[in-house]
Structures are given as structure tokens and as C-alpha cells.
Protein backbone atom coordinates (compact mmCIF):
# COMPACT_ATOMS: atom_id res chain seq x y z
CA MET A 1 7.26 10.55 -11.17
CA LYS A 2 9.64 12.81 -9.44
CA LEU A 3 7.27 15.95 -7.69
CA ASN A 4 7.83 19.03 -5.36
CA PRO A 5 9.87 19.00 -2.63
CA GLY A 6 11.44 15.47 -3.59
CA LEU A 7 8.53 13.02 -3.53
CA HIS A 8 8.47 10.34 -5.72
CA LEU A 9 4.82 9.27 -6.69
CA ALA A 10 3.78 6.03 -8.82
CA TYR A 11 1.03 3.75 -8.94
CA CYS A 12 1.58 0.32 -7.30
CA THR A 13 1.51 -2.70 -10.31
CA ASN A 14 -0.10 -5.16 -7.88
CA VAL A 15 -3.16 -4.20 -9.66
CA HIS A 16 -2.20 -6.24 -12.40
CA ARG A 17 -1.90 -9.68 -12.78
CA GLY A 18 1.37 -11.68 -12.90
CA GLU A 19 3.12 -13.73 -10.56
CA THR A 20 5.89 -14.77 -13.03
CA TRP A 21 8.64 -12.38 -13.85
CA ALA A 22 7.52 -12.99 -17.27
CA GLU A 23 3.96 -12.27 -16.55
CA THR A 24 5.18 -9.30 -14.52
CA LEU A 25 6.92 -7.48 -17.48
CA ALA A 26 4.93 -8.46 -19.90
CA ALA A 27 2.17 -6.63 -17.67
CA LEU A 28 4.48 -3.26 -17.44
CA GLU A 29 4.82 -3.19 -21.33
CA GLN A 30 1.01 -4.23 -21.71
CA HIS A 31 -0.21 -1.41 -19.21
CA THR A 32 2.48 0.45 -17.38
CA LEU A 33 4.20 1.69 -20.36
CA PRO A 34 0.98 3.02 -22.20
CA VAL A 35 -0.04 4.80 -18.79
CA ARG A 36 3.83 6.26 -18.49
CA ARG A 37 3.56 7.64 -22.49
CA ARG A 38 0.17 9.80 -21.12
CA VAL A 39 0.93 11.19 -17.34
CA ALA A 40 5.01 11.59 -18.21
CA PRO A 41 6.19 12.18 -21.99
CA GLY A 42 9.47 13.42 -21.98
CA GLN A 43 10.36 13.19 -18.39
CA PRO A 44 11.78 10.52 -16.04
CA TYR A 45 8.36 7.99 -14.96
CA ALA A 46 8.53 6.07 -11.51
CA ILE A 47 7.14 2.26 -10.91
CA GLY A 48 5.74 1.31 -7.97
CA LEU A 49 6.94 -2.65 -8.69
CA ARG A 50 4.96 -5.53 -7.35
CA LEU A 51 6.98 -8.95 -7.15
CA GLY A 52 6.23 -11.70 -5.89
CA GLN A 53 8.47 -14.25 -4.21
CA ARG A 54 8.36 -16.56 -7.60
CA ALA A 55 8.74 -12.83 -9.88
CA ALA A 56 11.70 -12.23 -7.52
CA GLU A 57 13.32 -15.34 -7.33
CA GLU A 58 13.70 -15.59 -11.64
CA LEU A 59 14.46 -11.77 -11.47
CA ALA A 60 17.43 -12.01 -9.17
CA GLN A 61 19.18 -13.86 -12.04
CA PRO A 62 21.71 -11.43 -13.27
CA ALA A 63 21.46 -11.82 -16.61
CA THR A 64 17.36 -11.06 -16.20
CA LEU A 65 18.31 -8.43 -13.83
CA THR A 66 20.68 -6.75 -16.27
CA ALA A 67 18.18 -7.00 -18.67
CA PHE A 68 15.20 -5.43 -16.95
CA ARG A 69 18.05 -2.49 -15.81
CA HIS A 70 18.44 -1.91 -19.85
CA TRP A 71 14.59 -2.17 -20.13
CA LEU A 72 14.21 0.74 -17.69
CA ASP A 73 17.02 2.82 -18.96
CA ARG A 74 15.28 2.58 -22.88
CA HIS A 75 11.70 4.03 -21.24
CA ASP A 76 13.51 6.38 -18.83
CA CYS A 77 11.74 4.55 -15.98
CA TYR A 78 12.88 3.71 -12.59
CA VAL A 79 11.93 1.94 -9.59
CA PHE A 80 11.89 3.22 -5.97
CA THR A 81 9.88 1.28 -4.54
CA ILE A 82 8.53 -2.49 -4.52
CA ASN A 83 5.42 -3.80 -2.68
CA GLY A 84 6.35 -6.78 -0.90
CA PHE A 85 3.48 -7.73 0.68
CA PRO A 86 1.43 -10.52 -1.40
CA TYR A 87 3.80 -13.70 -1.38
CA GLY A 88 2.37 -15.61 -3.80
CA ASN A 89 -0.36 -15.49 -6.22
CA PHE A 90 -2.60 -12.02 -5.79
CA HIS A 91 -4.93 -12.49 -9.08
CA GLY A 92 -7.90 -15.38 -10.43
CA ALA A 93 -7.75 -17.23 -7.27
CA ARG A 94 -8.75 -16.77 -4.29
CA VAL A 95 -6.54 -14.98 -1.76
CA LYS A 96 -8.87 -14.27 1.96
CA GLU A 97 -6.70 -14.49 4.51
CA GLN A 98 -4.14 -16.19 2.38
CA ALA A 99 -2.54 -12.64 1.59
CA TYR A 100 -0.38 -12.62 4.75
CA ALA A 101 0.92 -15.89 4.14
CA PRO A 102 3.62 -16.37 5.02
CA ASP A 103 3.62 -14.63 7.33
CA TRP A 104 7.02 -12.46 9.44
CA SER A 105 7.52 -15.82 12.23
CA THR A 106 8.61 -18.25 9.22
CA PRO A 107 12.01 -17.69 7.30
CA GLU A 108 9.87 -17.84 4.05
CA ARG A 109 8.77 -13.90 4.68
CA LEU A 110 12.21 -13.45 5.21
CA THR A 111 14.18 -14.58 2.77
CA TYR A 112 11.59 -13.16 0.56
CA THR A 113 11.72 -10.06 1.73
CA GLN A 114 15.64 -10.16 1.95
CA ARG A 115 15.98 -10.43 -1.33
CA LEU A 116 13.51 -7.84 -2.28
CA PHE A 117 15.76 -5.17 -0.87
CA ASP A 118 19.07 -7.23 -2.69
CA LEU A 119 16.86 -6.09 -6.09
CA LEU A 120 15.78 -2.61 -4.53
CA ALA A 121 19.67 -1.79 -4.86
CA GLU A 122 20.44 -2.66 -8.07
CA LEU A 123 17.36 -0.90 -9.17
CA VAL A 124 17.12 2.34 -7.55
CA PRO A 125 18.67 5.43 -9.10
CA ALA A 126 21.59 7.00 -7.48
CA GLY A 127 20.15 9.59 -4.88
CA VAL A 128 17.06 8.19 -4.41
CA ALA A 129 15.85 6.21 -1.16
CA GLY A 130 14.35 2.86 -1.39
CA SER A 131 11.72 1.26 0.21
CA VAL A 132 9.97 -1.81 0.62
CA SER A 133 6.15 -2.14 1.81
CA THR A 134 5.21 -5.84 3.64
CA MET A 135 2.65 -7.01 5.69
CA PRO A 136 1.70 -6.17 9.47
CA GLY A 137 3.31 -8.86 10.79
CA SER A 138 0.64 -11.57 10.78
CA PHE A 139 -3.04 -11.88 10.63
CA LYS A 140 -4.76 -11.07 14.04
CA PRO A 141 -6.36 -14.74 14.37
CA TRP A 142 -3.26 -16.52 14.19
CA ILE A 143 -1.48 -14.59 16.90
CA GLU A 144 -4.39 -15.15 19.14
CA ALA A 145 -4.15 -18.84 18.28
CA GLU A 146 -0.71 -19.25 18.78
CA PRO A 147 0.67 -16.25 21.01
CA ALA A 148 4.55 -17.63 20.42
CA ARG A 149 4.76 -16.19 16.75
CA LEU A 150 5.31 -12.85 18.06
CA GLN A 151 8.95 -13.86 19.52
CA ALA A 152 9.74 -15.09 16.01
CA ILE A 153 7.98 -12.28 13.82
CA PHE A 154 10.80 -9.83 16.56
CA ALA A 155 13.55 -11.90 15.29
CA ASN A 156 12.76 -11.96 11.87
CA LEU A 157 12.40 -8.37 11.59
CA THR A 158 15.73 -7.48 13.71
CA ALA A 159 17.49 -10.05 11.27
CA CYS A 160 15.56 -8.20 8.23
CA ALA A 161 16.81 -5.30 9.39
CA ARG A 162 20.31 -6.22 9.82
CA HIS A 163 20.06 -7.46 6.07
CA ILE A 164 18.75 -3.77 5.14
CA GLU A 165 21.78 -1.86 7.02
CA SER A 166 24.66 -4.26 5.78
CA VAL A 167 23.39 -3.43 1.83
CA ALA A 168 22.51 0.30 2.11
CA GLU A 169 26.08 0.25 3.50
CA ARG A 170 27.67 -2.07 0.62
CA THR A 171 25.80 0.33 -1.83
CA GLY A 172 25.30 3.87 -0.17
CA ARG A 173 21.50 3.50 -0.82
CA ASP A 174 18.87 4.81 1.63
CA LEU A 175 16.51 1.61 1.73
CA HIS A 176 14.09 1.25 4.47
CA LEU A 177 11.06 -0.90 5.39
CA GLY A 178 7.34 -0.37 5.60
CA VAL A 179 5.08 -2.31 7.90
CA GLU A 180 1.64 -1.66 6.49
CA PRO A 181 -0.98 -2.03 9.74
CA GLU A 182 -4.63 -3.52 8.08
CA PRO A 183 -7.88 -4.02 9.71
CA CYS A 184 -7.79 -7.31 11.40
CA CYS A 185 -3.93 -7.71 11.48
CA TYR A 186 -1.35 -7.95 14.60
CA LEU A 187 -1.18 -4.07 13.93
CA GLU A 188 -4.27 -2.44 12.76
CA THR A 189 -4.24 0.99 14.44
CA THR A 190 -1.84 3.35 15.40
CA ALA A 191 -1.96 2.76 18.93
CA GLU A 192 -1.02 -1.21 17.86
CA THR A 193 1.44 -0.47 15.47
CA LEU A 194 2.86 2.29 18.13
CA ALA A 195 3.18 -0.99 20.84
CA PHE A 196 4.41 -3.38 18.56
CA PHE A 197 7.72 -1.22 18.00
CA GLU A 198 7.97 -0.45 21.60
CA SER A 199 7.66 -4.03 22.26
CA TRP A 200 9.85 -5.22 19.62
CA GLN A 201 12.79 -2.16 21.10
CA ALA A 202 12.11 -3.70 23.94
CA SER A 203 12.81 -7.28 22.68
CA GLU A 204 16.49 -6.31 22.15
CA PRO A 205 18.33 -3.22 22.76
CA ALA A 206 20.18 -3.60 19.36
CA VAL A 207 16.61 -2.39 17.61
CA ALA A 208 16.60 0.76 18.13
CA LYS A 209 19.82 1.59 15.96
CA LEU A 210 18.19 0.00 13.11
CA LEU A 211 14.81 1.79 13.70
CA PRO A 212 16.23 3.73 10.74
CA ARG A 213 15.47 0.60 8.33
CA VAL A 214 12.23 -0.54 9.43
CA GLY A 215 9.42 1.92 9.88
CA VAL A 216 5.79 2.04 8.92
CA ASN A 217 3.90 1.97 5.29
CA TYR A 218 0.53 4.61 6.10
CA ASP A 219 -2.43 3.06 3.89
CA CYS A 220 -5.10 5.74 3.74
CA CYS A 221 -7.58 2.88 2.92
CA HIS A 222 -6.73 0.89 6.20
CA LEU A 223 -6.23 3.65 8.92
CA ALA A 224 -9.80 5.67 7.36
CA VAL A 225 -11.46 2.09 7.84
CA GLU A 226 -10.41 2.11 11.19
CA PHE A 227 -12.10 5.93 12.04
CA GLU A 228 -8.44 7.35 12.49
CA SER A 229 -7.92 11.09 12.13
CA PRO A 230 -4.90 11.31 9.75
CA GLY A 231 -3.10 14.16 11.22
CA THR A 232 -3.48 12.53 14.55
CA SER A 233 -2.25 9.15 13.31
CA LEU A 234 0.87 10.65 11.49
CA GLU A 235 1.86 12.93 13.87
CA ARG A 236 1.92 10.28 16.61
CA LEU A 237 3.85 7.78 14.74
CA SER A 238 6.58 10.39 13.27
CA ALA A 239 6.49 11.76 17.16
CA ALA A 240 7.57 8.05 18.19
CA GLY A 241 10.46 8.13 15.86
CA LEU A 242 9.22 6.02 13.49
CA ARG A 243 10.14 6.51 9.94
CA LEU A 244 7.57 7.10 7.51
CA SER A 245 8.41 4.97 4.65
CA LYS A 246 5.41 5.09 1.88
CA LEU A 247 2.19 6.60 1.97
CA HIS A 248 -0.28 5.05 0.24
CA LEU A 249 -2.75 7.10 -1.18
CA SER A 250 -6.45 4.56 -1.73
CA SER A 251 -9.32 4.83 -0.27
CA ALA A 252 -12.34 2.79 1.07
CA LEU A 253 -15.40 2.05 0.77
CA ARG A 254 -17.70 3.60 3.35
CA VAL A 255 -22.13 3.76 3.82
CA ARG A 256 -24.92 3.47 5.88
CA PRO A 257 -26.13 -0.02 6.55
CA ASP A 258 -29.82 0.32 6.31
CA ALA A 259 -32.02 -1.67 3.79
CA ALA A 260 -30.81 0.27 1.13
CA GLY A 261 -26.78 0.32 2.12
CA ARG A 262 -26.84 -3.58 2.76
CA GLN A 263 -28.62 -4.14 -0.35
CA ALA A 264 -26.50 -1.97 -2.65
CA LEU A 265 -23.19 -3.84 -1.05
CA ALA A 266 -23.90 -6.80 -2.21
CA ALA A 267 -22.70 -5.69 -5.59
CA PHE A 268 -19.35 -5.87 -3.17
CA VAL A 269 -19.26 -9.34 -2.47
CA GLU A 270 -16.65 -11.21 -4.33
CA PRO A 271 -14.62 -14.39 -3.55
CA ARG A 272 -11.35 -13.33 -4.03
CA TYR A 273 -10.07 -11.01 -1.26
CA LEU A 274 -11.22 -9.87 2.57
CA HIS A 275 -13.04 -7.01 2.82
CA GLN A 276 -13.12 -6.29 6.55
CA VAL A 277 -15.77 -4.42 7.70
CA VAL A 278 -15.72 -1.50 10.81
CA ALA A 279 -18.16 -0.49 12.50
CA GLY A 280 -18.45 2.62 14.08
CA GLN A 281 -19.96 6.22 14.98
CA GLY A 282 -18.01 9.62 14.96
CA ASN A 283 -14.38 8.09 15.90
CA VAL A 284 -15.59 5.48 17.93
CA VAL A 285 -15.64 1.57 16.64
CA ARG A 286 -17.93 -0.48 17.47
CA GLN A 287 -17.43 -3.76 15.42
CA ARG A 288 -15.32 -5.40 13.54
CA PHE A 289 -15.96 -8.55 11.02
CA LEU A 290 -13.38 -10.09 9.18
CA ASP A 291 -15.45 -9.85 6.03
CA LEU A 292 -18.19 -8.16 4.16
CA PRO A 293 -20.35 -11.74 4.35
CA ASP A 294 -20.10 -11.24 8.08
CA ALA A 295 -21.44 -8.08 8.46
CA LEU A 296 -23.99 -8.52 6.11
CA ALA A 297 -24.92 -11.25 7.87
CA SER A 298 -25.26 -9.38 11.13
CA ALA A 299 -28.91 -8.68 12.14
CA GLU A 300 -28.10 -6.73 15.32
CA ALA A 301 -24.95 -4.42 13.23
CA ALA A 302 -27.65 -3.21 11.09
CA SER A 303 -30.07 -2.47 13.71
CA ARG A 304 -28.10 0.17 14.66
CA ASP A 305 -27.26 3.98 14.19
CA GLU A 306 -23.86 3.67 12.46
CA GLU A 307 -21.79 3.49 9.56
CA TRP A 308 -19.71 0.92 8.06
CA ARG A 309 -16.32 1.26 6.54
CA ILE A 310 -15.57 -2.02 4.07
CA HIS A 311 -11.87 -2.23 3.28
CA PHE A 312 -12.25 -2.42 -0.47
CA HIS A 313 -9.99 -0.03 -2.23
CA VAL A 314 -12.10 2.27 -4.51
CA PRO A 315 -10.95 4.33 -6.96
CA LEU A 316 -9.56 7.82 -6.31
CA HIS A 317 -10.90 9.94 -9.42
CA ALA A 318 -14.45 9.15 -8.93
CA SER A 319 -16.91 8.23 -5.81
CA PRO A 320 -19.06 5.36 -5.63
CA GLY A 321 -22.30 6.82 -5.78
CA GLU A 322 -25.33 6.62 -3.82
CA PRO A 323 -26.08 5.05 -1.34
CA PHE A 324 -22.15 4.91 -0.84
CA SER A 325 -19.73 7.57 -0.06
CA ASP A 326 -15.63 6.93 0.21
CA THR A 327 -12.95 7.80 2.44
CA ARG A 328 -10.88 10.26 0.26
CA ASP A 329 -11.19 13.23 3.11
CA HIS A 330 -9.14 10.90 4.89
CA LEU A 331 -6.16 11.11 2.14
CA LEU A 332 -6.70 14.55 1.67
CA GLY A 333 -5.88 14.93 5.37
CA ALA A 334 -2.85 12.86 4.92
CA LEU A 335 -1.81 14.90 2.53
CA ASP A 336 -2.19 17.95 4.27
CA TRP A 337 -0.41 16.71 6.83
CA LEU A 338 2.46 15.86 4.81
CA LYS A 339 2.19 19.58 3.00
CA ALA A 340 2.94 20.78 6.74
CA HIS A 341 5.83 18.63 6.66
CA PRO A 342 7.41 18.03 3.63
CA GLN A 343 9.97 16.15 4.56
CA ALA A 344 8.67 13.69 6.84
CA CYS A 345 7.87 11.02 3.97
CA ALA A 346 8.92 11.15 0.18
CA HIS A 347 7.22 8.03 -1.07
CA LEU A 348 4.03 8.14 -2.78
CA GLU A 349 1.74 4.95 -4.46
CA MET A 350 -1.85 5.26 -5.64
CA GLU A 351 -2.73 1.55 -4.26
CA THR A 352 -6.55 0.43 -6.18
CA TYR A 353 -5.83 -3.14 -7.04
CA THR A 354 -9.40 -3.97 -7.11
CA TRP A 355 -10.08 -3.32 -10.69
CA GLU A 356 -10.85 -6.59 -11.15
CA VAL A 357 -13.62 -7.69 -8.76
CA LEU A 358 -14.98 -3.45 -9.19
CA PRO A 359 -18.60 -3.35 -9.58
CA PRO A 360 -18.61 -2.73 -13.45
CA ALA A 361 -20.23 0.68 -12.70
CA LEU A 362 -17.22 1.26 -10.97
CA ARG A 363 -14.44 -0.41 -13.47
CA LEU A 364 -12.69 2.04 -16.46
CA GLY A 365 -10.63 0.45 -18.81
CA ILE A 366 -7.53 -0.08 -16.61
CA GLU A 367 -4.68 2.21 -18.52
CA ASN A 368 -7.63 5.29 -18.45
CA GLN A 369 -8.70 4.08 -14.98
CA LEU A 370 -4.76 5.06 -14.09
CA VAL A 371 -4.66 7.98 -16.11
CA HIS A 372 -7.69 9.26 -14.23
CA GLU A 373 -6.26 8.31 -10.80
CA TYR A 374 -2.96 10.38 -11.98
CA ALA A 375 -5.16 13.41 -12.58
CA TRP A 376 -6.87 13.39 -9.64
CA THR A 377 -3.78 13.11 -7.30
CA LEU A 378 -1.54 15.31 -9.11
CA ALA A 379 -4.62 18.17 -9.13
CA ALA A 380 -4.47 17.16 -4.81
CA LEU A 381 -1.04 17.43 -4.55
CA ALA A 382 -0.78 20.65 -6.50
CA GLU A 383 -3.35 22.50 -4.43
CA ARG A 384 -0.45 21.93 -1.54
CA GLY A 385 2.37 22.61 -3.34
CA LEU A 386 3.51 18.92 -3.39
CA ALA A 387 3.56 19.35 -7.24
CA ASP A 388 3.85 21.07 -10.46
CA SER A 389 0.30 22.92 -11.35
CA SER A 390 1.03 22.59 -14.58
CA LEU A 391 1.55 19.04 -14.83
CA ALA A 392 -1.11 18.30 -12.66
CA THR A 393 -3.31 20.80 -15.13
CA ARG A 394 -1.80 18.61 -18.58
CA VAL A 395 -2.76 14.73 -17.08
CA ALA A 396 -6.37 16.34 -15.94
CA VAL A 397 -6.55 17.42 -19.87
CA GLU A 398 -4.77 13.78 -20.76
CA ALA A 399 -7.46 11.78 -18.43
CA GLN A 400 -10.75 13.14 -20.93
CA ARG A 401 -9.54 12.49 -23.88
């Protein structure tokens, strides 16, 4: 939906199953339209579209793309952003580190992302910028084992930026890619992200002119897990001249790893996704674990007086309950920064994709959960003058139905 001042808000449809285009469209019909009718009746409704490789290839068929454009018009919906992070299967099977494959060192990642921009240019409304979020270069252990991947990553990102520039010039659309830092990936912290962009520019002089086309997708869950300050992080990225392509409005799980905390964490162990754990105290990171079971198996880590932050996206609208807390304070800090810099980023996307693997006590019906997340988010935005208060009030009432 369109907010103040020139902002766009959507939820990311990666919460729904769907690897083919038929499955993706069916999810939009089954889940997105009911949410749309509850939170945005009578006004244009924004969709944060997740397209895997197979769905993107199928949607690229001219007749299929034309039919989807008619579908959007019929339902008064529009697409301003695409999640291009998960290339293949994302629900129903073990994903873990394969969420980062193929990485940016491969031609498959380049071709897939270029196709997403070709599609986005046909879908985004006139006068609205279009963004695609993508994975953070590679999974860090892969780069450590094979450092030569880095030059291929630079080359493919340059080729992608040139493609985006070409499509933008041809269509008159403002299009941009957002690289998304994530725990235990090649880009995981603000410092690593800044260093990456510096190294990429040093690898080829032409990159500097292409930077408006490639920036950062700031995921609040991810940077909170890294014990970063949102205001400081966003200020550093902006001061370095990097485009803030999109803000992912997301929250992570946090807990003290005492006996009660560790016992309660067992409910969050599941076989599908990586749930990286960062242990620290204050703003100091002490240790990182690739997955939650690794942290739980570490007797040494459990003995220290510290906090664990877990890469497990938890609902925005409710606390996970004792002994846990969450990182909504980081998200709200990011919105405080946006209030002070309202032109810095126009794309906001709620991304709680873990609905299927949440412990049952945290899981509402999916449409109800999404409406509650809209209500919480719109209230936070309205408090900062970034959304209309009457809209926030109406959606809050709807969430209680």
C-alpha cells in the first residue's frame, strides 16, 4: 500500500508455498487477496512478490505475463518489489545452506536475477521504483573454502548492474537490486558490507557509475542478530553513498542461554532452515554458530553470561513470551532513522516467512497473522508520521475481528 511520504509497504509472499507460477498465483488467490480485502479495501494494494527460478521462467512467457498484468489490474494490486533471494525450493523440504545456492559466483544466479528485472519492468506501475532483493554474495564457508569465487561474484554483479541500467533506460523505470546481509554469509555485518562494496568498486572503475542500481536490502532481523545499532548501521551505509534499496521489517528471537532458555529453545529446532545464533553481551559479539543445534550443543557457550540472538523470524505483532524476547526494538530504531531521513528508502516489506515452522503457540491462521502484522507495522509507522493514523486505526480494528 502507498504510505507517507512516497513509501510503499507490502508483506513478502515467501511466507506461502509455491515454486511454479501456477502455485504462486494460487497462493495469491488463496491468501493474498483475502488479506488485501481486510487491510486495503478500496485502495491500491502492494504485493511483495517472491519468485523462484521456475516461477520466474514460467511467468516470463508473454501470454502468462499479460494474464498476470490483467489480474493485477482486476484486483487493483501492484508489484513494486520482488524477493529474488531463494532460487529454488523454499518450503516443504530441507533448505538450510542451500538457500544460498546458486550464489553470485554462478551464471545461474545472474541469469535468474536479470530475468526478475525484465519481469519487474513490465509489472511496476509508472512513477514507482522497482526493487529486487538478493542473497549476500555467497555463504561464508564457501568463500573460505574457495576464495576465487569472489572475483566471479564481482563480475556477475557488474553484469547484472549493467543489465538493470539497460532495462531502466529502455523502460524509463527506476530499478535497483538490494544485496541482503545475513548472519554467517559473505556479507553479514555493516562493516563487511561496506568493505565488499569498496572492493567491488576497486575491481572495476565502471562500477561507481552503476551503484544507483545496486544497493543494500537492510533486514532488521539479520542486523539485530549481529548486535548492531540500526541508526549507526543505516547512517554508515547511507554516508558511504550506498542505496538503501529496501527495508525488511522483521524481528529475531533473543534469549539468555540459561537452563530455562535452552530448554525453551528446543521448540524452535526444526530441519528446514538455518537458524544462525550470535552470542554476545552489550554490543560485543563473542561467538557465532551456523545453526541452533550447534549452539545448544555447546556447553562452553551456555556457561557464559551473555545473550543469544537467533536468526528465526518471529511475528511482529506479539512477543514470543518468556523466557524469550525479540528484536522489535531494532526494527523500531530503523523506523526512527527513516523518520529522520524519509527520502532514504521508499520500499518497506514485512518478512516473517517462518509461519509453517513456528511453534504452534505462536502461530495464528496465516491470514490473521498477516493482518495483525499490518496492524502492528502501520501503528509503528503512524507514530512516526510515515503512515496515516486513520489507516492504522482501521486495520487495528480489523485485526481484532
